[in-house]
Amino acid sequence: MTGAVLLVLFVAECLTLLNLGNVLTLHVFLGMLLLGPVGLKIGSTLWRFIRYYTGSAAYVRKGPPAPLQRVTGPFVILTTVAVLGSGIMLIVEGSGPGSEPWLQLHHMAFLLWALVMVIHLALHVPKLPRMLSGRADHARHLLAARATRWLLLCGSLAVGLGLAFATYHLSAKFGGSHSIIP
């Protein structure tokens, strides 16, 4: 669920790049909104990693991620943190001489992130039919975990929205419009 929400939000964020001059405030807003769900996804991924490698029966039974996912996983996390972290630094610094290194880092991190995400998404596309079919052996577990998962996802979105509304005005430092609606 979190991955689906992130996919939609990241696509929307990337679409703002097509006309960044006119939708900079929306770009900043979406970037800050992403922080909550990204934090949840990183946390859940690290939880699964820790539970698997500490020998938890349920996680060991499910097995490790595919080898290529184990290799790309850390890069997904690192490049995502680099893109969002450099974006945060940009809005904190504002435009000026001190922001140029952050802007360059943000651009480089985005390009690396885009490459890693294409690989990451390509690895998950073959799993979609199985994930969407709701296999019977997963149904009981999914029903038990559904309320907790929805609560965590909604909470992460609420945190992201709070951050987004609290900081969207900072895009004015780069010529943003003070409006998230272009």
C-alpha atoms as a PDB file:
ATOM      1  CA  MET A   1       0.000   0.000   0.000  1.00  0.00           C
ATOM      2  CA  THR A   2       2.760   2.407   0.915  1.00  0.00           C
ATOM      3  CA  GLY A   3       4.599   1.611  -2.297  1.00  0.00           C
ATOM      4  CA  ALA A   4       1.497   2.422  -4.338  1.00  0.00           C
ATOM      5  CA  VAL A   5       1.034   5.752  -2.545  1.00  0.00           C
ATOM      6  CA  LEU A   6       4.718   6.555  -3.064  1.00  0.00           C
ATOM      7  CA  LEU A   7       4.495   5.716  -6.742  1.00  0.00           C
ATOM      8  CA  VAL A   8       1.589   8.132  -7.232  1.00  0.00           C
ATOM      9  CA  LEU A   9       3.268  10.899  -5.207  1.00  0.00           C
ATOM     10  CA  PHE A  10       6.651  10.479  -6.904  1.00  0.00           C
ATOM     11  CA  VAL A  11       5.038  10.532 -10.352  1.00  0.00           C
ATOM     12  CA  ALA A  12       3.209  13.741  -9.407  1.00  0.00           C
ATOM     13  CA  GLU A  13       6.460  15.189  -8.053  1.00  0.00           C
ATOM     14  CA  CYS A  14       8.315  14.290 -11.260  1.00  0.00           C
ATOM     15  CA  LEU A  15       5.542  15.823 -13.383  1.00  0.00           C
ATOM     16  CA  THR A  16       6.160  19.173 -11.680  1.00  0.00           C
ATOM     17  CA  LEU A  17       9.637  19.103 -13.231  1.00  0.00           C
ATOM     18  CA  LEU A  18       8.063  19.651 -16.651  1.00  0.00           C
ATOM     19  CA  ASN A  19       7.148  23.220 -15.696  1.00  0.00           C
ATOM     20  CA  LEU A  20       9.073  23.844 -12.492  1.00  0.00           C
ATOM     21  CA  GLY A  21       9.127  27.625 -12.860  1.00  0.00           C
ATOM     22  CA  ASN A  22       5.346  27.789 -12.600  1.00  0.00           C
ATOM     23  CA  VAL A  23       4.777  24.994 -10.083  1.00  0.00           C
ATOM     24  CA  LEU A  24       7.750  25.352  -7.747  1.00  0.00           C
ATOM     25  CA  THR A  25       5.529  25.721  -4.694  1.00  0.00           C
ATOM     26  CA  LEU A  26       3.670  22.522  -5.614  1.00  0.00           C
ATOM     27  CA  HIS A  27       7.041  20.792  -6.136  1.00  0.00           C
ATOM     28  CA  VAL A  28       8.152  21.814  -2.640  1.00  0.00           C
ATOM     29  CA  PHE A  29       4.770  20.852  -1.163  1.00  0.00           C
ATOM     30  CA  LEU A  30       4.850  17.380  -2.725  1.00  0.00           C
ATOM     31  CA  GLY A  31       8.480  16.897  -1.721  1.00  0.00           C
ATOM     32  CA  MET A  32       7.646  17.603   1.907  1.00  0.00           C
ATOM     33  CA  LEU A  33       4.484  15.482   1.723  1.00  0.00           C
ATOM     34  CA  LEU A  34       6.636  12.567   0.580  1.00  0.00           C
ATOM     35  CA  LEU A  35       8.667  12.634   3.799  1.00  0.00           C
ATOM     36  CA  GLY A  36       5.997  10.835   5.849  1.00  0.00           C
ATOM     37  CA  PRO A  37       5.336   7.908   3.488  1.00  0.00           C
ATOM     38  CA  VAL A  38       9.042   7.621   2.585  1.00  0.00           C
ATOM     39  CA  GLY A  39       9.860   7.383   6.289  1.00  0.00           C
ATOM     40  CA  LEU A  40       7.229   4.662   6.696  1.00  0.00           C
ATOM     41  CA  LYS A  41       8.531   2.711   3.691  1.00  0.00           C
ATOM     42  CA  ILE A  42      12.150   2.917   4.837  1.00  0.00           C
ATOM     43  CA  GLY A  43      11.097   1.898   8.338  1.00  0.00           C
ATOM     44  CA  SER A  44       9.074  -1.095   7.127  1.00  0.00           C
ATOM     45  CA  THR A  45      11.876  -2.179   4.783  1.00  0.00           C
ATOM     46  CA  LEU A  46      14.452  -1.986   7.571  1.00  0.00           C
ATOM     47  CA  TRP A  47      12.040  -3.838   9.901  1.00  0.00           C
ATOM     48  CA  ARG A  48      11.735  -6.696   7.399  1.00  0.00           C
ATOM     49  CA  PHE A  49      15.517  -6.733   6.933  1.00  0.00           C
ATOM     50  CA  ILE A  50      16.153  -6.887  10.675  1.00  0.00           C
ATOM     51  CA  ARG A  51      13.462  -9.497  11.319  1.00  0.00           C
ATOM     52  CA  TYR A  52      14.738 -11.733   8.505  1.00  0.00           C
ATOM     53  CA  TYR A  53      18.406 -11.555   9.522  1.00  0.00           C
ATOM     54  CA  THR A  54      17.615 -12.081  13.224  1.00  0.00           C
ATOM     55  CA  GLY A  55      15.815 -15.318  12.326  1.00  0.00           C
ATOM     56  CA  SER A  56      12.146 -14.463  12.884  1.00  0.00           C
ATOM     57  CA  ALA A  57      10.244 -17.538  11.644  1.00  0.00           C
ATOM     58  CA  ALA A  58       7.599 -15.641   9.660  1.00  0.00           C
ATOM     59  CA  TYR A  59      10.193 -13.546   7.853  1.00  0.00           C
ATOM     60  CA  VAL A  60      12.556 -16.467   7.246  1.00  0.00           C
ATOM     61  CA  ARG A  61       9.619 -18.480   5.846  1.00  0.00           C
ATOM     62  CA  LYS A  62       8.846 -15.663   3.415  1.00  0.00           C
ATOM     63  CA  GLY A  63      12.488 -15.666   2.367  1.00  0.00           C
ATOM     64  CA  PRO A  64      14.915 -12.938   1.372  1.00  0.00           C
ATOM     65  CA  PRO A  65      14.333 -10.514  -1.464  1.00  0.00           C
ATOM     66  CA  ALA A  66      15.682 -11.529  -4.857  1.00  0.00           C
ATOM     67  CA  PRO A  67      19.454 -11.018  -5.195  1.00  0.00           C
ATOM     68  CA  LEU A  68      19.135  -7.966  -7.444  1.00  0.00           C
ATOM     69  CA  GLN A  69      16.685  -6.394  -4.991  1.00  0.00           C
ATOM     70  CA  ARG A  70      19.123  -6.992  -2.150  1.00  0.00           C
ATOM     71  CA  VAL A  71      21.773  -5.157  -4.153  1.00  0.00           C
ATOM     72  CA  THR A  72      19.575  -2.263  -5.318  1.00  0.00           C
ATOM     73  CA  GLY A  73      17.633  -1.845  -2.051  1.00  0.00           C
ATOM     74  CA  PRO A  74      20.294   0.180  -0.241  1.00  0.00           C
ATOM     75  CA  PHE A  75      20.681   2.396  -3.324  1.00  0.00           C
ATOM     76  CA  VAL A  76      16.914   3.006  -3.411  1.00  0.00           C
ATOM     77  CA  ILE A  77      17.069   4.184   0.200  1.00  0.00           C
ATOM     78  CA  LEU A  78      20.284   6.203  -0.160  1.00  0.00           C
ATOM     79  CA  THR A  79      19.262   8.003  -3.357  1.00  0.00           C
ATOM     80  CA  THR A  80      15.782   8.735  -2.005  1.00  0.00           C
ATOM     81  CA  VAL A  81      17.265  10.208   1.175  1.00  0.00           C
ATOM     82  CA  ALA A  82      19.767  12.188  -0.932  1.00  0.00           C
ATOM     83  CA  VAL A  83      17.053  13.674  -3.168  1.00  0.00           C
ATOM     84  CA  LEU A  84      14.734  14.570  -0.314  1.00  0.00           C
ATOM     85  CA  GLY A  85      17.537  15.703   2.005  1.00  0.00           C
ATOM     86  CA  SER A  86      19.109  17.976  -0.597  1.00  0.00           C
ATOM     87  CA  GLY A  87      15.651  19.337  -1.412  1.00  0.00           C
ATOM     88  CA  ILE A  88      15.105  20.163   2.254  1.00  0.00           C
ATOM     89  CA  MET A  89      18.468  21.910   2.377  1.00  0.00           C
ATOM     90  CA  LEU A  90      17.532  23.916  -0.714  1.00  0.00           C
ATOM     91  CA  ILE A  91      14.353  25.247   0.830  1.00  0.00           C
ATOM     92  CA  VAL A  92      16.149  25.976   4.102  1.00  0.00           C
ATOM     93  CA  GLU A  93      19.018  27.801   2.361  1.00  0.00           C
ATOM     94  CA  GLY A  94      16.908  29.626  -0.217  1.00  0.00           C
ATOM     95  CA  SER A  95      18.371  30.893  -3.464  1.00  0.00           C
ATOM     96  CA  GLY A  96      21.750  32.501  -3.194  1.00  0.00           C
ATOM     97  CA  PRO A  97      25.435  31.664  -3.282  1.00  0.00           C
ATOM     98  CA  GLY A  98      25.146  29.008  -0.556  1.00  0.00           C
ATOM     99  CA  SER A  99      22.442  27.090  -2.379  1.00  0.00           C
ATOM    100  CA  GLU A 100      24.418  26.195  -5.526  1.00  0.00           C
ATOM    101  CA  PRO A 101      26.115  23.081  -4.069  1.00  0.00           C
ATOM    102  CA  TRP A 102      22.755  21.870  -2.750  1.00  0.00           C
ATOM    103  CA  LEU A 103      21.127  22.469  -6.134  1.00  0.00           C
ATOM    104  CA  GLN A 104      23.857  20.483  -7.898  1.00  0.00           C
ATOM    105  CA  LEU A 105      23.573  17.677  -5.343  1.00  0.00           C
ATOM    106  CA  HIS A 106      19.771  17.692  -5.720  1.00  0.00           C
ATOM    107  CA  HIS A 107      20.067  17.349  -9.508  1.00  0.00           C
ATOM    108  CA  MET A 108      22.711  14.598  -9.330  1.00  0.00           C
ATOM    109  CA  ALA A 109      20.818  12.728  -6.625  1.00  0.00           C
ATOM    110  CA  PHE A 110      17.627  12.916  -8.681  1.00  0.00           C
ATOM    111  CA  LEU A 111      19.334  11.473 -11.771  1.00  0.00           C
ATOM    112  CA  LEU A 112      20.806   8.593  -9.743  1.00  0.00           C
ATOM    113  CA  TRP A 113      17.456   8.091  -7.980  1.00  0.00           C
ATOM    114  CA  ALA A 114      15.614   7.938 -11.332  1.00  0.00           C
ATOM    115  CA  LEU A 115      18.014   5.282 -12.632  1.00  0.00           C
ATOM    116  CA  VAL A 116      17.742   3.197  -9.457  1.00  0.00           C
ATOM    117  CA  MET A 117      13.945   3.551  -9.397  1.00  0.00           C
ATOM    118  CA  VAL A 118      13.595   2.319 -12.983  1.00  0.00           C
ATOM    119  CA  ILE A 119      15.470  -0.838 -11.952  1.00  0.00           C
ATOM    120  CA  HIS A 120      13.487  -1.106  -8.698  1.00  0.00           C
ATOM    121  CA  LEU A 121      10.130  -0.760 -10.433  1.00  0.00           C
ATOM    122  CA  ALA A 122      11.143  -3.210 -13.176  1.00  0.00           C
ATOM    123  CA  LEU A 123      11.857  -5.788 -10.462  1.00  0.00           C
ATOM    124  CA  HIS A 124       8.418  -5.293  -8.892  1.00  0.00           C
ATOM    125  CA  VAL A 125       6.263  -5.232 -12.039  1.00  0.00           C
ATOM    126  CA  PRO A 126       6.347  -9.037 -12.506  1.00  0.00           C
ATOM    127  CA  LYS A 127       5.045  -9.450  -8.927  1.00  0.00           C
ATOM    128  CA  LEU A 128       2.014  -7.196  -9.415  1.00  0.00           C
ATOM    129  CA  PRO A 129      -0.460  -9.860 -10.623  1.00  0.00           C
ATOM    130  CA  ARG A 130       0.344 -12.099  -7.637  1.00  0.00           C
ATOM    131  CA  MET A 131       0.148  -9.163  -5.203  1.00  0.00           C
ATOM    132  CA  LEU A 132      -3.164  -7.982  -6.626  1.00  0.00           C
ATOM    133  CA  SER A 133      -4.718 -11.463  -6.763  1.00  0.00           C
ATOM    134  CA  GLY A 134      -4.935 -11.662  -2.950  1.00  0.00           C
ATOM    135  CA  ARG A 135      -3.843 -15.284  -2.598  1.00  0.00           C
ATOM    136  CA  ALA A 136      -5.929 -17.231  -0.069  1.00  0.00           C
ATOM    137  CA  ASP A 137      -2.969 -17.997   2.218  1.00  0.00           C
ATOM    138  CA  HIS A 138      -2.308 -14.276   2.545  1.00  0.00           C
ATOM    139  CA  ALA A 139      -5.944 -13.288   3.081  1.00  0.00           C
ATOM    140  CA  ARG A 140      -6.051 -14.094   6.809  1.00  0.00           C
ATOM    141  CA  HIS A 141      -2.767 -12.290   7.488  1.00  0.00           C
ATOM    142  CA  LEU A 142      -3.790  -9.298   5.390  1.00  0.00           C
ATOM    143  CA  LEU A 143      -7.090  -8.910   7.231  1.00  0.00           C
ATOM    144  CA  ALA A 144      -5.348  -9.004  10.601  1.00  0.00           C
ATOM    145  CA  ALA A 145      -2.709  -6.481   9.545  1.00  0.00           C
ATOM    146  CA  ARG A 146      -4.962  -4.281   7.434  1.00  0.00           C
ATOM    147  CA  ALA A 147      -6.096  -1.935  10.225  1.00  0.00           C
ATOM    148  CA  THR A 148      -2.555  -1.414  11.479  1.00  0.00           C
ATOM    149  CA  ARG A 149      -1.214  -0.868   7.979  1.00  0.00           C
ATOM    150  CA  TRP A 150      -3.951   1.630   7.119  1.00  0.00           C
ATOM    151  CA  LEU A 151      -3.356   3.447  10.391  1.00  0.00           C
ATOM    152  CA  LEU A 152       0.381   3.659   9.737  1.00  0.00           C
ATOM    153  CA  LEU A 153      -0.137   4.787   6.146  1.00  0.00           C
ATOM    154  CA  CYS A 154      -2.704   7.427   7.114  1.00  0.00           C
ATOM    155  CA  GLY A 155      -0.466   8.585   9.948  1.00  0.00           C
ATOM    156  CA  SER A 156       2.512   8.909   7.613  1.00  0.00           C
ATOM    157  CA  LEU A 157       0.407  10.917   5.163  1.00  0.00           C
ATOM    158  CA  ALA A 158      -0.807  13.138   8.001  1.00  0.00           C
ATOM    159  CA  VAL A 159       2.787  13.769   9.071  1.00  0.00           C
ATOM    160  CA  GLY A 160       3.752  14.520   5.471  1.00  0.00           C
ATOM    161  CA  LEU A 161       0.789  16.871   5.031  1.00  0.00           C
ATOM    162  CA  GLY A 162       1.667  18.661   8.245  1.00  0.00           C
ATOM    163  CA  LEU A 163       5.245  19.163   7.079  1.00  0.00           C
ATOM    164  CA  ALA A 164       4.080  20.210   3.612  1.00  0.00           C
ATOM    165  CA  PHE A 165       1.652  22.835   4.897  1.00  0.00           C
ATOM    166  CA  ALA A 166       4.130  24.079   7.487  1.00  0.00           C
ATOM    167  CA  THR A 167       6.891  24.614   4.927  1.00  0.00           C
ATOM    168  CA  TYR A 168       5.336  25.306   1.523  1.00  0.00           C
ATOM    169  CA  HIS A 169       5.806  29.048   1.993  1.00  0.00           C
ATOM    170  CA  LEU A 170       9.574  28.492   1.955  1.00  0.00           C
ATOM    171  CA  SER A 171       9.446  28.011  -1.826  1.00  0.00           C
ATOM    172  CA  ALA A 172       9.151  31.801  -2.067  1.00  0.00           C
ATOM    173  CA  LYS A 173      12.909  31.897  -1.419  1.00  0.00           C
ATOM    174  CA  PHE A 174      13.236  30.487  -4.944  1.00  0.00           C
ATOM    175  CA  GLY A 175      10.437  32.483  -6.515  1.00  0.00           C
ATOM    176  CA  GLY A 176       7.558  30.187  -5.577  1.00  0.00           C
ATOM    177  CA  SER A 177       4.036  31.564  -5.722  1.00  0.00           C
ATOM    178  CA  HIS A 178       2.922  30.955  -2.101  1.00  0.00           C
ATOM    179  CA  SER A 179       0.175  28.794  -3.595  1.00  0.00           C
ATOM    180  CA  ILE A 180       0.220  25.032  -4.050  1.00  0.00           C
ATOM    181  CA  ILE A 181      -2.348  25.400  -6.825  1.00  0.00           C
ATOM    182  CA  PRO A 182      -0.624  26.629  -9.996  1.00  0.00           C
END
